Amino acid sequence: MSETMEAILSRRSIRKFKEDLVRPEDIDSILEAGRWAPSGLNNQPWKFIVIQDKNTIEELSNFTHYTEVVRNAPLLIAVFLDHDTMYNHTKDAQAIGASIQNMLLRVYDIGLGAVWLGEILNQKDKVNLSLDCPESLELMAVLAIGQAMNNNATSTRKEIQELCYNEKFGKEWRH
């Protein structure tokens, strides 16, 4: 199995972190992975805000049901869609998803843990205000990142036959 496939199959969402800070070179590496995601017209419609200040993390923890996950993460990366560089909302949101996945895979690759938080989008105006964001930035997700407290998470997936069809919807997939 390739290293890429191994990472895809092994990476899990981590919600409990040790207090250890994330090294600056690791943060740079995570951001580098995110910026190399594909995007339509190579417009790179993402902006990232790196959050390590405990007071800011505490404030942001109040904007989600996952308060403890956010509060205990030594590093947050808020991921935004930049409306000033976008050309198609759907396509650019998909590019943001690719950027986030690149970052999650890099986090896994360097031995850290992370979780992609989307529920915080329900309070995106408060997040933007807290982070002093221009109106052109639309919050897409917050990544909570750190050294995993434990990495025993397991997961299951639906069978491919439940998800894929051959030629037309309803025609069972066969390879």
Foldseek 3Di string as FASTA:
>chain_A
DDPVVCLVQQADAFQAADQDADDPVLVVQLQVLLQPFDAVVSLSQKDKDKDQDLVLLQQLLVLAPSSSSSNRFRIKIWMWGQQVRDDDVVRSLVSNVRSVVSSSSSLVVVQKHKHKAARSLVVQVSNCVSVVHDPRIRTRTMMRIHHHPDRPDDDDDDDVQVPDADPDPPHTDDD
